[in-house]
């Protein structure tokens, strides 16, 4: 009886690990990797590396200092 309990526990542990790894990959079941790229939890459209520079802006944010920000856009936005 102890062998059956240990075997059942082992099967459930492996199934839990496999299920967790599937969720941790961050990819939904119907989504392919080419559709978007997850960066810091934000989905970026495919082809974003080809976007062109539209504008540059310098901001002063209290308690954080000066920041330089760039606005990018795809061919439709440009």
N, C-alpha and C. Protein backbone atom coordinates (compact mmCIF):
# COMPACT_ATOMS: atom_id res chain seq x y z
N UNK A 1 0.82 -1.20 0.00
CA UNK A 1 0.00 0.00 0.00
C UNK A 1 0.87 1.26 0.00
N UNK A 2 2.02 1.20 0.65
CA UNK A 2 2.90 2.36 0.69
C UNK A 2 3.48 2.66 -0.69
N UNK A 3 3.73 1.62 -1.47
CA UNK A 3 4.27 1.82 -2.82
C UNK A 3 3.27 2.54 -3.72
N UNK A 4 2.00 2.19 -3.59
CA UNK A 4 0.96 2.83 -4.40
C UNK A 4 0.84 4.30 -4.03
N UNK A 5 0.89 4.61 -2.76
CA UNK A 5 0.81 6.00 -2.30
C UNK A 5 2.00 6.82 -2.78
N UNK A 6 3.20 6.22 -2.69
CA UNK A 6 4.40 6.91 -3.15
C UNK A 6 4.35 7.13 -4.66
N UNK A 7 3.91 6.12 -5.41
CA UNK A 7 3.80 6.25 -6.86
C UNK A 7 2.80 7.34 -7.24
N UNK A 8 1.67 7.37 -6.56
CA UNK A 8 0.66 8.40 -6.82
C UNK A 8 1.20 9.79 -6.51
N UNK A 9 1.92 9.92 -5.41
CA UNK A 9 2.52 11.21 -5.06
C UNK A 9 3.54 11.65 -6.12
N UNK A 10 4.36 10.72 -6.60
CA UNK A 10 5.37 11.04 -7.60
C UNK A 10 4.72 11.49 -8.90
N UNK A 11 3.68 10.82 -9.32
CA UNK A 11 2.98 11.17 -10.56
C UNK A 11 2.35 12.57 -10.43
N UNK A 12 1.73 12.85 -9.30
CA UNK A 12 1.12 14.16 -9.09
C UNK A 12 2.18 15.26 -9.03
N UNK A 13 3.32 14.98 -8.42
CA UNK A 13 4.39 15.98 -8.35
C UNK A 13 4.93 16.30 -9.74
N UNK A 14 5.15 15.29 -10.56
CA UNK A 14 5.65 15.51 -11.92
C UNK A 14 4.62 16.27 -12.74
N UNK A 15 3.34 15.92 -12.60
CA UNK A 15 2.29 16.61 -13.34
C UNK A 15 2.21 18.08 -12.93
N UNK A 16 2.38 18.37 -11.64
CA UNK A 16 2.36 19.75 -11.16
C UNK A 16 3.53 20.56 -11.70
N UNK A 17 4.70 19.95 -11.75
CA UNK A 17 5.88 20.64 -12.27
C UNK A 17 5.71 20.94 -13.75
N UNK A 18 5.20 19.97 -14.51
CA UNK A 18 4.99 20.18 -15.95
C UNK A 18 3.96 21.28 -16.18
N UNK A 19 2.89 21.30 -15.40
CA UNK A 19 1.86 22.33 -15.55
C UNK A 19 2.42 23.70 -15.20
N UNK A 20 3.24 23.77 -14.17
CA UNK A 20 3.83 25.06 -13.78
C UNK A 20 4.80 25.57 -14.84
N UNK A 21 5.59 24.70 -15.42
CA UNK A 21 6.53 25.13 -16.46
C UNK A 21 5.81 25.65 -17.68
N UNK A 22 4.66 25.07 -18.02
CA UNK A 22 3.87 25.56 -19.15
C UNK A 22 3.34 26.96 -18.90
N UNK A 23 2.92 27.26 -17.68
CA UNK A 23 2.42 28.58 -17.34
C UNK A 23 3.56 29.58 -17.20
N UNK A 24 4.69 29.14 -16.69
CA UNK A 24 5.82 30.04 -16.46
C UNK A 24 6.46 30.50 -17.76
N UNK A 25 6.23 29.77 -18.85
CA UNK A 25 6.84 30.19 -20.11
C UNK A 25 6.22 31.48 -20.63
N UNK A 26 5.02 31.84 -20.14
CA UNK A 26 4.40 33.10 -20.52
C UNK A 26 3.74 33.07 -21.88
N UNK A 27 3.61 31.91 -22.46
CA UNK A 27 3.03 31.81 -23.79
C UNK A 27 1.67 31.16 -23.69
N UNK A 28 0.66 31.83 -24.22
CA UNK A 28 -0.67 31.26 -24.20
C UNK A 28 -0.77 30.14 -25.23
N UNK A 29 -1.72 29.22 -25.07
CA UNK A 29 -1.77 28.04 -25.95
C UNK A 29 -1.90 28.35 -27.43
N UNK A 30 -2.63 29.38 -27.85
CA UNK A 30 -2.84 29.65 -29.26
C UNK A 30 -1.90 30.68 -29.85
N UNK A 31 -0.82 30.99 -29.17
CA UNK A 31 0.06 32.07 -29.60
C UNK A 31 1.40 31.51 -30.04
N UNK A 32 1.89 31.98 -31.17
CA UNK A 32 3.22 31.56 -31.61
C UNK A 32 4.23 32.61 -31.19
N UNK A 33 5.51 32.25 -31.15
CA UNK A 33 6.55 33.16 -30.68
C UNK A 33 6.75 34.34 -31.62
N UNK A 34 6.45 34.21 -32.91
CA UNK A 34 6.66 35.28 -33.86
C UNK A 34 5.64 36.40 -33.76
N UNK A 35 4.51 36.16 -33.07
CA UNK A 35 3.46 37.17 -32.98
C UNK A 35 3.89 38.38 -32.15
N UNK A 36 4.54 38.16 -31.04
CA UNK A 36 4.95 39.25 -30.17
C UNK A 36 6.10 38.81 -29.30
N UNK A 37 6.71 39.78 -28.63
CA UNK A 37 7.85 39.51 -27.78
C UNK A 37 7.57 40.04 -26.39
N UNK A 38 7.56 39.19 -25.36
CA UNK A 38 7.29 39.70 -24.02
C UNK A 38 8.52 40.37 -23.41
N UNK A 39 8.39 41.64 -23.07
CA UNK A 39 9.47 42.38 -22.42
C UNK A 39 8.89 43.02 -21.17
N UNK A 40 9.39 42.64 -20.01
CA UNK A 40 8.91 43.13 -18.73
C UNK A 40 7.40 42.98 -18.61
N UNK A 41 6.85 41.91 -19.12
CA UNK A 41 5.42 41.65 -19.01
C UNK A 41 4.56 42.38 -20.03
N UNK A 42 5.16 43.14 -20.93
CA UNK A 42 4.43 43.89 -21.94
C UNK A 42 4.64 43.22 -23.29
N UNK A 43 3.57 43.01 -24.03
CA UNK A 43 3.68 42.38 -25.35
C UNK A 43 4.03 43.44 -26.39
N UNK A 44 5.17 43.27 -27.04
CA UNK A 44 5.63 44.18 -28.07
C UNK A 44 5.36 43.53 -29.43
N UNK A 45 4.79 44.24 -30.40
CA UNK A 45 4.48 43.64 -31.71
C UNK A 45 5.74 43.15 -32.43
N UNK A 46 5.57 42.14 -33.25
CA UNK A 46 6.67 41.63 -34.06
C UNK A 46 7.15 42.73 -35.00
N UNK A 47 8.45 42.81 -35.22
CA UNK A 47 9.00 43.81 -36.11
C UNK A 47 9.33 45.14 -35.44
N UNK A 48 9.21 45.20 -34.11
CA UNK A 48 9.45 46.47 -33.43
C UNK A 48 10.91 46.92 -33.54
N UNK A 49 11.81 46.01 -33.80
CA UNK A 49 13.22 46.38 -33.92
C UNK A 49 13.49 47.18 -35.21
N UNK A 50 12.57 47.16 -36.14
CA UNK A 50 12.73 47.89 -37.40
C UNK A 50 12.10 49.27 -37.36
N UNK A 51 11.51 49.66 -36.22
CA UNK A 51 10.85 50.95 -36.13
C UNK A 51 11.87 52.09 -36.24
N UNK A 52 11.40 53.23 -36.77
CA UNK A 52 12.27 54.39 -36.98
C UNK A 52 12.04 55.43 -35.90
N UNK A 53 13.04 56.28 -35.70
CA UNK A 53 12.97 57.36 -34.72
C UNK A 53 12.07 58.47 -35.26
N UNK A 54 11.08 58.88 -34.47
CA UNK A 54 10.18 59.97 -34.84
C UNK A 54 10.58 61.25 -34.12
N UNK A 55 10.80 61.18 -32.81
CA UNK A 55 11.12 62.39 -32.04
C UNK A 55 11.92 62.02 -30.80
N UNK A 56 12.66 63.01 -30.29
CA UNK A 56 13.41 62.87 -29.04
C UNK A 56 12.96 63.98 -28.12
N UNK A 57 12.79 63.68 -26.83
CA UNK A 57 12.30 64.66 -25.88
C UNK A 57 13.06 64.54 -24.57
N UNK A 58 13.43 65.69 -23.98
CA UNK A 58 14.09 65.70 -22.69
C UNK A 58 13.08 66.14 -21.65
N UNK A 59 12.92 65.35 -20.60
CA UNK A 59 11.96 65.63 -19.55
C UNK A 59 12.67 65.83 -18.22
N UNK A 60 12.12 66.69 -17.40
CA UNK A 60 12.61 66.82 -16.03
C UNK A 60 11.51 66.29 -15.12
N UNK A 61 11.81 65.22 -14.41
CA UNK A 61 10.86 64.59 -13.51
C UNK A 61 11.34 64.85 -12.08
N UNK A 62 10.49 65.49 -11.25
CA UNK A 62 10.90 65.77 -9.87
C UNK A 62 11.31 64.49 -9.15
N UNK A 63 12.34 64.57 -8.36
CA UNK A 63 12.89 63.47 -7.57
C UNK A 63 13.58 62.40 -8.41
N UNK A 64 13.56 62.51 -9.72
CA UNK A 64 14.23 61.53 -10.57
C UNK A 64 15.24 62.19 -11.50
N UNK A 65 15.14 63.49 -11.68
CA UNK A 65 16.09 64.19 -12.53
C UNK A 65 15.65 64.25 -13.98
N UNK A 66 16.63 64.49 -14.86
CA UNK A 66 16.35 64.61 -16.29
C UNK A 66 16.33 63.24 -16.96
N UNK A 67 15.44 63.09 -17.91
CA UNK A 67 15.35 61.86 -18.70
C UNK A 67 15.30 62.22 -20.17
N UNK A 68 15.91 61.39 -20.98
CA UNK A 68 15.87 61.54 -22.43
C UNK A 68 15.01 60.40 -22.97
N UNK A 69 13.94 60.72 -23.68
CA UNK A 69 13.02 59.71 -24.19
C UNK A 69 12.96 59.80 -25.72
N UNK A 70 12.81 58.65 -26.33
CA UNK A 70 12.70 58.57 -27.79
C UNK A 70 11.34 58.01 -28.16
N UNK A 71 10.73 58.59 -29.19
CA UNK A 71 9.46 58.10 -29.70
C UNK A 71 9.75 57.37 -31.00
N UNK A 72 9.34 56.12 -31.08
CA UNK A 72 9.57 55.29 -32.25
C UNK A 72 8.25 54.99 -32.93
N UNK A 73 8.31 54.64 -34.22
CA UNK A 73 7.10 54.29 -34.94
C UNK A 73 7.39 53.39 -36.12
N UNK A 74 6.39 52.58 -36.48
CA UNK A 74 6.53 51.72 -37.64
C UNK A 74 6.28 52.52 -38.92
N UNK A 75 6.28 51.88 -40.06
CA UNK A 75 6.12 52.58 -41.34
C UNK A 75 4.78 53.31 -41.42
N UNK A 76 3.74 52.75 -40.85
CA UNK A 76 2.42 53.39 -40.89
C UNK A 76 2.44 54.67 -40.05
N UNK A 77 3.08 54.64 -38.89
CA UNK A 77 3.13 55.82 -38.02
C UNK A 77 4.01 56.91 -38.63
N UNK A 78 5.08 56.52 -39.30
CA UNK A 78 5.99 57.52 -39.89
C UNK A 78 5.30 58.14 -41.08
